[in-house]
PDB file of N, CA and C in Angstrom:
ATOM      1  N   UNK A   1     -24.163  16.847 -11.736  1.00  0.00           N
ATOM      2  CA  UNK A   1     -23.810  15.418 -11.929  1.00  0.00           C
ATOM      3  C   UNK A   1     -24.596  14.912 -13.126  1.00  0.00           C
ATOM      4  N   UNK A   2     -24.063  13.781 -13.870  1.00  0.00           N
ATOM      5  CA  UNK A   2     -24.959  13.400 -14.771  1.00  0.00           C
ATOM      6  C   UNK A   2     -25.460  11.919 -14.214  1.00  0.00           C
ATOM      7  N   UNK A   3     -26.666  11.702 -14.830  1.00  0.00           N
ATOM      8  CA  UNK A   3     -27.454  10.307 -14.412  1.00  0.00           C
ATOM      9  C   UNK A   3     -26.667   9.122 -14.211  1.00  0.00           C
ATOM     10  N   UNK A   4     -25.761   9.219 -14.950  1.00  0.00           N
ATOM     11  CA  UNK A   4     -24.829   7.890 -15.363  1.00  0.00           C
ATOM     12  C   UNK A   4     -23.975   7.815 -14.075  1.00  0.00           C
ATOM     13  N   UNK A   5     -23.249   9.138 -13.777  1.00  0.00           N
ATOM     14  CA  UNK A   5     -22.483   8.980 -12.278  1.00  0.00           C
ATOM     15  C   UNK A   5     -23.255   8.481 -11.110  1.00  0.00           C
ATOM     16  N   UNK A   6     -24.635   9.598 -11.084  1.00  0.00           N
ATOM     17  CA  UNK A   6     -25.308   9.033  -9.765  1.00  0.00           C
ATOM     18  C   UNK A   6     -25.863   7.720  -9.645  1.00  0.00           C
ATOM     19  N   UNK A   7     -25.794   7.091 -10.965  1.00  0.00           N
ATOM     20  CA  UNK A   7     -26.180   5.542 -10.800  1.00  0.00           C
ATOM     21  C   UNK A   7     -24.870   4.913 -10.272  1.00  0.00           C
ATOM     22  N   UNK A   8     -23.916   5.347 -10.884  1.00  0.00           N
ATOM     23  CA  UNK A   8     -22.591   4.503 -10.470  1.00  0.00           C
ATOM     24  C   UNK A   8     -22.187   4.632  -9.111  1.00  0.00           C
ATOM     25  N   UNK A   9     -22.374   5.813  -8.442  1.00  0.00           N
ATOM     26  CA  UNK A   9     -22.435   5.946  -7.001  1.00  0.00           C
ATOM     27  C   UNK A   9     -23.340   5.555  -6.514  1.00  0.00           C
ATOM     28  N   UNK A  10     -24.383   5.057  -6.657  1.00  0.00           N
ATOM     29  CA  UNK A  10     -25.510   4.433  -5.906  1.00  0.00           C
ATOM     30  C   UNK A  10     -24.829   2.765  -5.790  1.00  0.00           C
ATOM     31  N   UNK A  11     -24.889   2.248  -7.065  1.00  0.00           N
ATOM     32  CA  UNK A  11     -23.960   1.073  -7.260  1.00  0.00           C
ATOM     33  C   UNK A  11     -22.907   0.641  -6.200  1.00  0.00           C
ATOM     34  N   UNK A  12     -22.187   1.790  -6.282  1.00  0.00           N
ATOM     35  CA  UNK A  12     -20.819   1.370  -5.801  1.00  0.00           C
ATOM     36  C   UNK A  12     -21.371   1.480  -4.017  1.00  0.00           C
ATOM     37  N   UNK A  13     -22.166   2.098  -3.619  1.00  0.00           N
ATOM     38  CA  UNK A  13     -22.637   2.442  -2.038  1.00  0.00           C
ATOM     39  C   UNK A  13     -23.172   0.975  -1.767  1.00  0.00           C
ATOM     40  N   UNK A  14     -24.268   0.679  -2.740  1.00  0.00           N
ATOM     41  CA  UNK A  14     -24.715  -0.448  -2.472  1.00  0.00           C
ATOM     42  C   UNK A  14     -24.010  -1.870  -2.321  1.00  0.00           C
ATOM     43  N   UNK A  15     -22.727  -1.699  -3.023  1.00  0.00           N
ATOM     44  CA  UNK A  15     -21.898  -2.914  -3.130  1.00  0.00           C
ATOM     45  C   UNK A  15     -21.110  -2.812  -1.569  1.00  0.00           C
ATOM     46  N   UNK A  16     -20.714  -1.578  -1.335  1.00  0.00           N
ATOM     47  CA  UNK A  16     -19.763  -1.439  -0.001  1.00  0.00           C
ATOM     48  C   UNK A  16     -20.825  -2.180   0.973  1.00  0.00           C
ATOM     49  N   UNK A  17     -22.031  -1.716   0.953  1.00  0.00           N
ATOM     50  CA  UNK A  17     -22.907  -2.184   2.148  1.00  0.00           C
ATOM     51  C   UNK A  17     -23.250  -3.666   2.311  1.00  0.00           C
ATOM     52  N   UNK A  18     -23.241  -4.125   1.247  1.00  0.00           N
ATOM     53  CA  UNK A  18     -23.266  -5.788   1.202  1.00  0.00           C
ATOM     54  C   UNK A  18     -22.029  -6.213   1.478  1.00  0.00           C
ATOM     55  N   UNK A  19     -20.758  -6.003   0.942  1.00  0.00           N
ATOM     56  CA  UNK A  19     -19.406  -6.105   1.595  1.00  0.00           C
ATOM     57  C   UNK A  19     -19.577  -6.243   2.999  1.00  0.00           C
ATOM     58  N   UNK A  20     -19.614  -5.119   3.394  1.00  0.00           N
ATOM     59  CA  UNK A  20     -19.547  -4.807   5.216  1.00  0.00           C
ATOM     60  C   UNK A  20     -20.620  -5.764   5.829  1.00  0.00           C
ATOM     61  N   UNK A  21     -21.900  -6.014   5.173  1.00  0.00           N
ATOM     62  CA  UNK A  21     -22.631  -6.942   5.806  1.00  0.00           C
ATOM     63  C   UNK A  21     -22.157  -8.158   5.953  1.00  0.00           C
ATOM     64  N   UNK A  22     -21.218  -8.696   4.729  1.00  0.00           N
ATOM     65  CA  UNK A  22     -21.271 -10.187   4.255  1.00  0.00           C
ATOM     66  C   UNK A  22     -19.977 -10.154   5.410  1.00  0.00           C
ATOM     67  N   UNK A  23     -18.886  -9.379   5.712  1.00  0.00           N
ATOM     68  CA  UNK A  23     -17.984  -9.473   6.380  1.00  0.00           C
ATOM     69  C   UNK A  23     -18.090  -9.451   7.763  1.00  0.00           C
ATOM     70  N   UNK A  24     -19.126  -8.876   8.156  1.00  0.00           N
ATOM     71  CA  UNK A  24     -19.639  -8.564   9.644  1.00  0.00           C
ATOM     72  C   UNK A  24     -20.389 -10.032  10.106  1.00  0.00           C
ATOM     73  N   UNK A  25     -21.057 -10.617   9.224  1.00  0.00           N
ATOM     74  CA  UNK A  25     -21.870 -11.604   9.159  1.00  0.00           C
ATOM     75  C   UNK A  25     -20.584 -12.824   9.349  1.00  0.00           C
ATOM     76  N   UNK A  26     -19.644 -13.070   8.696  1.00  0.00           N
ATOM     77  CA  UNK A  26     -18.736 -13.906   8.725  1.00  0.00           C
ATOM     78  C   UNK A  26     -18.158 -14.093  10.164  1.00  0.00           C
ATOM     79  N   UNK A  27     -17.495 -12.701  10.426  1.00  0.00           N
ATOM     80  CA  UNK A  27     -16.958 -12.643  11.561  1.00  0.00           C
ATOM     81  C   UNK A  27     -17.740 -13.290  12.876  1.00  0.00           C
ATOM     82  N   UNK A  28     -19.424 -12.840  12.905  1.00  0.00           N
ATOM     83  CA  UNK A  28     -20.187 -13.257  14.050  1.00  0.00           C
ATOM     84  C   UNK A  28     -20.321 -14.974  13.618  1.00  0.00           C
ATOM     85  N   UNK A  29     -20.506 -15.514  12.461  1.00  0.00           N
ATOM     86  CA  UNK A  29     -20.842 -16.731  12.589  1.00  0.00           C
ATOM     87  C   UNK A  29     -19.500 -18.009  12.491  1.00  0.00           C
ATOM     88  N   UNK A  30     -18.274 -17.478  12.214  1.00  0.00           N
ATOM     89  CA  UNK A  30     -17.014 -18.182  12.092  1.00  0.00           C
ATOM     90  C   UNK A  30     -16.855 -18.631  13.623  1.00  0.00           C
ATOM     91  N   UNK A  31     -16.497 -20.135  13.782  1.00  0.00           N
ATOM     92  CA  UNK A  31     -16.199 -20.340  15.249  1.00  0.00           C
ATOM     93  C   UNK A  31     -15.027 -19.254  16.099  1.00  0.00           C
ATOM     94  N   UNK A  32     -15.385 -19.355  17.233  1.00  0.00           N
ATOM     95  CA  UNK A  32     -14.483 -18.275  17.988  1.00  0.00           C
ATOM     96  C   UNK A  32     -13.497 -19.680  18.844  1.00  0.00           C
ATOM     97  N   UNK A  33     -12.219 -19.275  18.939  1.00  0.00           N
ATOM     98  CA  UNK A  33     -11.415 -19.968  19.933  1.00  0.00           C
ATOM     99  C   UNK A  33     -11.934 -20.017  21.198  1.00  0.00           C
ATOM    100  N   UNK A  34     -11.775 -21.492  21.374  1.00  0.00           N
ATOM    101  CA  UNK A  34     -12.615 -21.784  22.938  1.00  0.00           C
ATOM    102  C   UNK A  34     -11.583 -21.197  24.261  1.00  0.00           C
ATOM    103  N   UNK A  35     -12.359 -20.692  24.992  1.00  0.00           N
ATOM    104  CA  UNK A  35     -11.691 -20.015  26.225  1.00  0.00           C
ATOM    105  C   UNK A  35     -11.811 -20.778  27.414  1.00  0.00           C
ATOM    106  N   UNK A  36     -11.733 -22.146  27.343  1.00  0.00           N
ATOM    107  CA  UNK A  36     -11.912 -22.840  28.222  1.00  0.00           C
ATOM    108  C   UNK A  36     -10.577 -23.075  29.120  1.00  0.00           C
ATOM    109  N   UNK A  37     -10.835 -24.049  30.020  1.00  0.00           N
ATOM    110  CA  UNK A  37      -9.464 -24.303  30.650  1.00  0.00           C
ATOM    111  C   UNK A  37      -8.489 -24.783  29.846  1.00  0.00           C
ATOM    112  N   UNK A  38      -6.929 -24.968  30.367  1.00  0.00           N
ATOM    113  CA  UNK A  38      -6.166 -25.466  29.238  1.00  0.00           C
ATOM    114  C   UNK A  38      -6.283 -26.703  28.999  1.00  0.00           C
ATOM    115  N   UNK A  39      -5.767 -27.471  28.072  1.00  0.00           N
ATOM    116  CA  UNK A  39      -5.963 -28.828  27.725  1.00  0.00           C
ATOM    117  C   UNK A  39      -4.975 -29.501  28.894  1.00  0.00           C
ATOM    118  N   UNK A  40      -5.527 -30.916  28.879  1.00  0.00           N
ATOM    119  CA  UNK A  40      -4.766 -31.698  30.111  1.00  0.00           C
ATOM    120  C   UNK A  40      -3.732 -32.001  29.570  1.00  0.00           C
ATOM    121  N   UNK A  41      -2.544 -32.352  30.269  1.00  0.00           N
ATOM    122  CA  UNK A  41      -1.191 -32.791  29.812  1.00  0.00           C
ATOM    123  C   UNK A  41      -0.942 -34.106  30.316  1.00  0.00           C
ATOM    124  N   UNK A  42      -0.139 -35.036  29.359  1.00  0.00           N
ATOM    125  CA  UNK A  42       0.259 -36.061  29.960  1.00  0.00           C
ATOM    126  C   UNK A  42       1.277 -36.292  30.724  1.00  0.00           C
ATOM    127  N   UNK A  43       1.053 -37.066  31.687  1.00  0.00           N
ATOM    128  CA  UNK A  43       1.991 -37.294  32.866  1.00  0.00           C
ATOM    129  C   UNK A  43       2.129 -38.416  33.285  1.00  0.00           C
ATOM    130  N   UNK A  44       3.778 -38.699  33.174  1.00  0.00           N
ATOM    131  CA  UNK A  44       4.187 -40.231  33.149  1.00  0.00           C
ATOM    132  C   UNK A  44       3.638 -40.975  32.045  1.00  0.00           C
ATOM    133  N   UNK A  45       3.358 -40.404  31.033  1.00  0.00           N
ATOM    134  CA  UNK A  45       2.945 -41.182  29.829  1.00  0.00           C
ATOM    135  C   UNK A  45       1.315 -41.681  30.042  1.00  0.00           C
ATOM    136  N   UNK A  46       0.642 -40.826  30.686  1.00  0.00           N
ATOM    137  CA  UNK A  46      -0.877 -41.033  31.319  1.00  0.00           C
ATOM    138  C   UNK A  46      -1.635 -39.728  30.809  1.00  0.00           C
ATOM    139  N   UNK A  47      -2.767 -39.844  30.467  1.00  0.00           N
ATOM    140  CA  UNK A  47      -3.515 -38.735  30.169  1.00  0.00           C
ATOM    141  C   UNK A  47      -4.798 -39.077  30.819  1.00  0.00           C
ATOM    142  N   UNK A  48      -5.097 -38.467  31.949  1.00  0.00           N
ATOM    143  CA  UNK A  48      -6.461 -38.530  32.907  1.00  0.00           C
ATOM    144  C   UNK A  48      -7.340 -37.677  32.359  1.00  0.00           C
ATOM    145  N   UNK A  49      -8.359 -38.219  31.753  1.00  0.00           N
ATOM    146  CA  UNK A  49      -9.611 -37.368  31.177  1.00  0.00           C
ATOM    147  C   UNK A  49     -10.811 -37.436  32.289  1.00  0.00           C
ATOM    148  N   UNK A  50     -10.876 -37.961  33.255  1.00  0.00           N
ATOM    149  CA  UNK A  50     -12.047 -38.545  34.049  1.00  0.00           C
ATOM    150  C   UNK A  50     -12.582 -37.242  34.474  1.00  0.00           C
ATOM    151  N   UNK A  51     -11.970 -36.159  34.567  1.00  0.00           N
ATOM    152  CA  UNK A  51     -12.722 -34.980  34.826  1.00  0.00           C
ATOM    153  C   UNK A  51     -13.099 -34.003  33.988  1.00  0.00           C
ATOM    154  N   UNK A  52     -12.492 -34.295  32.829  1.00  0.00           N
ATOM    155  CA  UNK A  52     -12.925 -33.437  31.428  1.00  0.00           C
ATOM    156  C   UNK A  52     -14.183 -33.523  31.164  1.00  0.00           C
ATOM    157  N   UNK A  53     -14.916 -32.296  30.622  1.00  0.00           N
ATOM    158  CA  UNK A  53     -16.471 -32.214  30.245  1.00  0.00           C
ATOM    159  C   UNK A  53     -16.061 -32.004  28.788  1.00  0.00           C
ATOM    160  N   UNK A  54     -16.529 -33.147  27.721  1.00  0.00           N
ATOM    161  CA  UNK A  54     -16.415 -33.028  26.640  1.00  0.00           C
ATOM    162  C   UNK A  54     -17.425 -32.045  25.965  1.00  0.00           C
ATOM    163  N   UNK A  55     -18.627 -32.003  26.527  1.00  0.00           N
ATOM    164  CA  UNK A  55     -19.901 -31.164  26.257  1.00  0.00           C
ATOM    165  C   UNK A  55     -19.456 -29.841  26.296  1.00  0.00           C
ATOM    166  N   UNK A  56     -18.707 -29.223  27.340  1.00  0.00           N
ATOM    167  CA  UNK A  56     -18.207 -27.955  27.698  1.00  0.00           C
ATOM    168  C   UNK A  56     -16.973 -27.453  27.058  1.00  0.00           C
ATOM    169  N   UNK A  57     -16.024 -28.538  27.439  1.00  0.00           N
ATOM    170  CA  UNK A  57     -14.869 -28.264  27.061  1.00  0.00           C
ATOM    171  C   UNK A  57     -14.455 -28.612  25.650  1.00  0.00           C
ATOM    172  N   UNK A  58     -14.970 -29.398  25.024  1.00  0.00           N
ATOM    173  CA  UNK A  58     -14.892 -29.559  23.815  1.00  0.00           C
ATOM    174  C   UNK A  58     -14.053 -30.917  23.745  1.00  0.00           C
ATOM    175  N   UNK A  59     -13.324 -31.159  22.480  1.00  0.00           N
ATOM    176  CA  UNK A  59     -12.651 -32.512  22.493  1.00  0.00           C
ATOM    177  C   UNK A  59     -11.208 -32.032  22.850  1.00  0.00           C
ATOM    178  N   UNK A  60     -10.264 -32.979  22.906  1.00  0.00           N
ATOM    179  CA  UNK A  60      -8.739 -32.881  23.085  1.00  0.00           C
ATOM    180  C   UNK A  60      -8.046 -33.391  22.133  1.00  0.00           C
ATOM    181  N   UNK A  61      -7.261 -32.885  21.390  1.00  0.00           N
ATOM    182  CA  UNK A  61      -6.540 -33.287  20.221  1.00  0.00           C
ATOM    183  C   UNK A  61      -5.273 -34.280  20.774  1.00  0.00           C
ATOM    184  N   UNK A  62      -5.343 -35.503  20.455  1.00  0.00           N
ATOM    185  CA  UNK A  62      -4.408 -36.129  20.639  1.00  0.00           C
ATOM    186  C   UNK A  62      -3.192 -36.245  19.251  1.00  0.00           C
ATOM    187  N   UNK A  63      -2.290 -35.824  19.696  1.00  0.00           N
ATOM    188  CA  UNK A  63      -1.249 -35.729  18.398  1.00  0.00           C
ATOM    189  C   UNK A  63       0.018 -36.905  19.004  1.00  0.00           C
ATOM    190  N   UNK A  64       1.038 -37.381  18.050  1.00  0.00           N
ATOM    191  CA  UNK A  64       1.689 -38.319  18.741  1.00  0.00           C
ATOM    192  C   UNK A  64       1.331 -39.686  18.291  1.00  0.00           C
ATOM    193  N   UNK A  65       2.131 -40.583  19.059  1.00  0.00           N
ATOM    194  CA  UNK A  65       1.677 -42.167  19.091  1.00  0.00           C
ATOM    195  C   UNK A  65       1.113 -42.584  20.154  1.00  0.00           C
ATOM    196  N   UNK A  66      -0.104 -43.205  20.400  1.00  0.00           N
ATOM    197  CA  UNK A  66      -0.959 -43.457  21.512  1.00  0.00           C
ATOM    198  C   UNK A  66      -1.076 -44.989  21.736  1.00  0.00           C
ATOM    199  N   UNK A  67      -1.205 -45.545  22.785  1.00  0.00           N
ATOM    200  CA  UNK A  67      -1.827 -46.913  23.063  1.00  0.00           C
ATOM    201  C   UNK A  67      -3.042 -46.411  24.165  1.00  0.00           C
ATOM    202  N   UNK A  68      -3.794 -47.137  23.905  1.00  0.00           N
ATOM    203  CA  UNK A  68      -5.131 -47.460  25.116  1.00  0.00           C
ATOM    204  C   UNK A  68      -5.395 -48.673  25.723  1.00  0.00           C
ATOM    205  N   UNK A  69      -5.381 -48.454  26.849  1.00  0.00           N
ATOM    206  CA  UNK A  69      -5.629 -49.650  27.748  1.00  0.00           C
ATOM    207  C   UNK A  69      -6.915 -49.724  28.528  1.00  0.00           C
ATOM    208  N   UNK A  70      -7.688 -50.654  28.610  1.00  0.00           N
ATOM    209  CA  UNK A  70      -9.023 -50.753  29.442  1.00  0.00           C
ATOM    210  C   UNK A  70      -8.532 -50.758  30.862  1.00  0.00           C
ATOM    211  N   UNK A  71      -9.237 -50.020  31.490  1.00  0.00           N
ATOM    212  CA  UNK A  71      -9.101 -49.805  33.032  1.00  0.00           C
ATOM    213  C   UNK A  71      -9.419 -51.424  33.717  1.00  0.00           C
ATOM    214  N   UNK A  72      -8.782 -51.958  34.468  1.00  0.00           N
ATOM    215  CA  UNK A  72      -9.081 -53.034  35.006  1.00  0.00           C
ATOM    216  C   UNK A  72      -9.580 -52.821  36.615  1.00  0.00           C
ATOM    217  N   UNK A  73     -10.776 -53.017  36.769  1.00  0.00           N
ATOM    218  CA  UNK A  73     -11.031 -52.545  38.463  1.00  0.00           C
ATOM    219  C   UNK A  73     -10.437 -53.356  39.390  1.00  0.00           C
TER     220      UNK A  73
END
């Protein structure tokens, strides 16, 4: 083999290793879907989040039109 061809093969090898490393790093660093308990559902127009742990279970996406009322003791 000619020296140019050997250099070309080495460059292709280095690029392949870098591409694999980048892809593996991206898979490890990208956020994974949470495998927590299912999201709470609204029942009769009320969504009770008193037992929802936002630190462990994350945020709850509210879609649609909502009104918030302060609880009166």
